[in-house]
């Protein structure tokens, strides 16, 4: 699409450059003293100005330049895509690592909570034994 637009612009520019235009202005005094102005514009494309060999060469040159521009645009788009893909992969890896770190820390906290509960339960049992002994005395 972009190649076609650039080619159309080149051709239209060339067509405008090959056009010859002339303007004539005439003023006529009427019998009653008023003045009438007539402007005539003539646009022509003389065949002696148009050289088909030059047109074809210009067309080919324009096509080559449009192709080069299109290739540059495609290359830039490919580079951008590759950068985006690399960034996405890195982000995915970073998020995966963060998830693993969170999971490891959660497991540590869980183990610590279990140990604390175990110690607390043993202290409660010891206190209960003491109370039982004191009551039995």
Foldseek 3Di string as FASTA:
>chain_A
DQLVVQLVVLVVVVVVVQKDKDKDWDWDQDPVGDIDIDMDMDIDRDPVSDDVVVVVVSSVVSSVVSVVVVVVVVVVVVVVVVVVVVVVVVVVVVVVVVVVVVVVVVVVVVVVVVVVVVVVVVVVVVVVVVVVVVVVD
